[in-house]
Amino acid sequence: MTARFTGHVIVFGDVNPGGEILTTGSIFIWGKLRGSVHAGMDGSETEVICAMELNPIKLRIANTPIKNNKLLRKLKRKPVKIRIDNSKLTINYWDNKK
């Protein structure tokens, strides 16, 4: 299932494989991200993607995709925030601990 939105999206639950969210705004998932997401579809690099747990099939903000799938596999099962910093996607835990 693909969902397209203009603006920000808040999901109360999981985004499972086969699920896809495409939006011009940010994406906030109060659950597990295991599907595909694209925030900032209109090219906005100020958008963020947040999830309680992250293991996406595809992830992109503006025109910047996540390139290091090994990095994603090493993530702890903790809430994360992804944003663009210096033209790269950066991943930070919500509690700011590594």
C-alpha atoms as a PDB file:
ATOM      1  CA  MET A   1       0.000   0.000   0.000  1.00  0.00           C
ATOM      2  CA  THR A   2       1.349   3.428  -0.944  1.00  0.00           C
ATOM      3  CA  ALA A   3       0.193   6.571   0.840  1.00  0.00           C
ATOM      4  CA  ARG A   4       1.012  10.029  -0.605  1.00  0.00           C
ATOM      5  CA  PHE A   5       0.560  13.192   1.432  1.00  0.00           C
ATOM      6  CA  THR A   6       1.228  16.907   1.318  1.00  0.00           C
ATOM      7  CA  GLY A   7       2.565  17.967   4.708  1.00  0.00           C
ATOM      8  CA  HIS A   8       3.706  15.998   7.745  1.00  0.00           C
ATOM      9  CA  VAL A   9       2.605  12.440   8.511  1.00  0.00           C
ATOM     10  CA  ILE A  10       2.157  10.816  11.925  1.00  0.00           C
ATOM     11  CA  VAL A  11       1.634   7.056  12.028  1.00  0.00           C
ATOM     12  CA  PHE A  12       0.334   5.433  15.220  1.00  0.00           C
ATOM     13  CA  GLY A  13       1.532   1.887  14.594  1.00  0.00           C
ATOM     14  CA  ASP A  14       3.996   0.075  12.354  1.00  0.00           C
ATOM     15  CA  VAL A  15       4.896   0.577   8.700  1.00  0.00           C
ATOM     16  CA  ASN A  16       5.477  -2.982   7.514  1.00  0.00           C
ATOM     17  CA  PRO A  17       7.206  -4.335   4.384  1.00  0.00           C
ATOM     18  CA  GLY A  18       5.033  -3.453   1.405  1.00  0.00           C
ATOM     19  CA  GLY A  19       3.945  -0.215   3.090  1.00  0.00           C
ATOM     20  CA  GLU A  20       5.208   3.026   1.579  1.00  0.00           C
ATOM     21  CA  ILE A  21       4.800   6.624   2.761  1.00  0.00           C
ATOM     22  CA  LEU A  22       5.633   9.503   0.407  1.00  0.00           C
ATOM     23  CA  THR A  23       5.232  13.047   1.706  1.00  0.00           C
ATOM     24  CA  THR A  24       6.440  16.609   1.274  1.00  0.00           C
ATOM     25  CA  GLY A  25       6.824  16.983   5.060  1.00  0.00           C
ATOM     26  CA  SER A  26       8.372  14.986   7.886  1.00  0.00           C
ATOM     27  CA  ILE A  27       7.384  11.466   8.940  1.00  0.00           C
ATOM     28  CA  PHE A  28       6.830  10.445  12.565  1.00  0.00           C
ATOM     29  CA  ILE A  29       6.191   6.752  13.233  1.00  0.00           C
ATOM     30  CA  TRP A  30       5.034   5.761  16.704  1.00  0.00           C
ATOM     31  CA  GLY A  31       5.967   2.167  15.975  1.00  0.00           C
ATOM     32  CA  LYS A  32       8.394   0.151  13.849  1.00  0.00           C
ATOM     33  CA  LEU A  33       9.528   1.286  10.398  1.00  0.00           C
ATOM     34  CA  ARG A  34      10.046  -1.798   8.246  1.00  0.00           C
ATOM     35  CA  GLY A  35       8.606  -0.509   4.981  1.00  0.00           C
ATOM     36  CA  SER A  36       9.651   2.382   2.700  1.00  0.00           C
ATOM     37  CA  VAL A  37       9.506   6.122   3.406  1.00  0.00           C
ATOM     38  CA  HIS A  38      10.362   9.307   1.519  1.00  0.00           C
ATOM     39  CA  ALA A  39      10.104  12.610   3.406  1.00  0.00           C
ATOM     40  CA  GLY A  40      10.647  15.962   1.673  1.00  0.00           C
ATOM     41  CA  MET A  41       9.523  14.658  -1.735  1.00  0.00           C
ATOM     42  CA  ASP A  42       9.488  18.229  -3.030  1.00  0.00           C
ATOM     43  CA  GLY A  43      13.237  18.565  -2.304  1.00  0.00           C
ATOM     44  CA  SER A  44      12.987  20.049   1.201  1.00  0.00           C
ATOM     45  CA  GLU A  45      16.091  19.012   3.158  1.00  0.00           C
ATOM     46  CA  THR A  46      14.738  20.284   6.498  1.00  0.00           C
ATOM     47  CA  GLU A  47      12.394  17.337   6.999  1.00  0.00           C
ATOM     48  CA  VAL A  48      13.036  14.482   9.462  1.00  0.00           C
ATOM     49  CA  ILE A  49      12.048  10.855   9.824  1.00  0.00           C
ATOM     50  CA  CYS A  50      11.464   9.552  13.357  1.00  0.00           C
ATOM     51  CA  ALA A  51      10.561   6.034  14.444  1.00  0.00           C
ATOM     52  CA  MET A  52      10.491   3.974  17.616  1.00  0.00           C
ATOM     53  CA  GLU A  53      12.479   1.264  15.814  1.00  0.00           C
ATOM     54  CA  LEU A  54      14.147   1.430  12.401  1.00  0.00           C
ATOM     55  CA  ASN A  55      14.672  -1.328   9.859  1.00  0.00           C
ATOM     56  CA  PRO A  56      13.433   0.160   6.550  1.00  0.00           C
ATOM     57  CA  ILE A  57      13.457  -1.321   3.086  1.00  0.00           C
ATOM     58  CA  LYS A  58      14.018   2.147   1.570  1.00  0.00           C
ATOM     59  CA  LEU A  59      14.518   5.490   3.261  1.00  0.00           C
ATOM     60  CA  ARG A  60      15.023   8.915   1.689  1.00  0.00           C
ATOM     61  CA  ILE A  61      14.830  12.572   2.667  1.00  0.00           C
ATOM     62  CA  ALA A  62      14.589  14.989  -0.289  1.00  0.00           C
ATOM     63  CA  ASN A  63      17.003  13.567  -2.873  1.00  0.00           C
ATOM     64  CA  THR A  64      19.261  11.874  -0.302  1.00  0.00           C
ATOM     65  CA  PRO A  65      18.767   8.121   0.208  1.00  0.00           C
ATOM     66  CA  ILE A  66      20.265   6.109   3.034  1.00  0.00           C
ATOM     67  CA  LYS A  67      23.348   4.576   1.462  1.00  0.00           C
ATOM     68  CA  ASN A  68      24.780   2.434   4.224  1.00  0.00           C
ATOM     69  CA  ASN A  69      22.439  -0.485   4.866  1.00  0.00           C
ATOM     70  CA  LYS A  70      25.089  -2.042   7.147  1.00  0.00           C
ATOM     71  CA  LEU A  71      24.696   1.002   9.399  1.00  0.00           C
ATOM     72  CA  LEU A  72      20.962   0.361   9.629  1.00  0.00           C
ATOM     73  CA  ARG A  73      21.498  -3.272  10.629  1.00  0.00           C
ATOM     74  CA  LYS A  74      23.785  -2.182  13.489  1.00  0.00           C
ATOM     75  CA  LEU A  75      21.233   0.179  15.001  1.00  0.00           C
ATOM     76  CA  LYS A  76      20.048  -0.576  18.484  1.00  0.00           C
ATOM     77  CA  ARG A  77      16.334  -1.109  18.874  1.00  0.00           C
ATOM     78  CA  LYS A  78      15.758   2.366  20.212  1.00  0.00           C
ATOM     79  CA  PRO A  79      13.821   5.423  19.004  1.00  0.00           C
ATOM     80  CA  VAL A  80      15.718   7.306  16.288  1.00  0.00           C
ATOM     81  CA  LYS A  81      15.610  10.583  14.386  1.00  0.00           C
ATOM     82  CA  ILE A  82      17.051  10.891  10.881  1.00  0.00           C
ATOM     83  CA  ARG A  83      17.827  14.215   9.240  1.00  0.00           C
ATOM     84  CA  ILE A  84      20.146  15.696   6.632  1.00  0.00           C
ATOM     85  CA  ASP A  85      23.359  17.180   7.974  1.00  0.00           C
ATOM     86  CA  ASN A  86      26.093  18.402   5.602  1.00  0.00           C
ATOM     87  CA  SER A  87      24.348  16.730   2.634  1.00  0.00           C
ATOM     88  CA  LYS A  88      24.289  13.300   4.354  1.00  0.00           C
ATOM     89  CA  LEU A  89      21.638  11.493   6.311  1.00  0.00           C
ATOM     90  CA  THR A  90      22.497  11.292  10.002  1.00  0.00           C
ATOM     91  CA  ILE A  91      20.908   9.021  12.569  1.00  0.00           C
ATOM     92  CA  ASN A  92      20.552  10.056  16.206  1.00  0.00           C
ATOM     93  CA  TYR A  93      18.931   8.230  19.087  1.00  0.00           C
ATOM     94  CA  TRP A  94      16.205  10.223  20.825  1.00  0.00           C
ATOM     95  CA  ASP A  95      18.036   9.975  24.122  1.00  0.00           C
ATOM     96  CA  ASN A  96      21.250  11.311  22.458  1.00  0.00           C
ATOM     97  CA  LYS A  97      23.231   8.284  23.671  1.00  0.00           C
ATOM     98  CA  LYS A  98      25.337   6.307  21.223  1.00  0.00           C
END
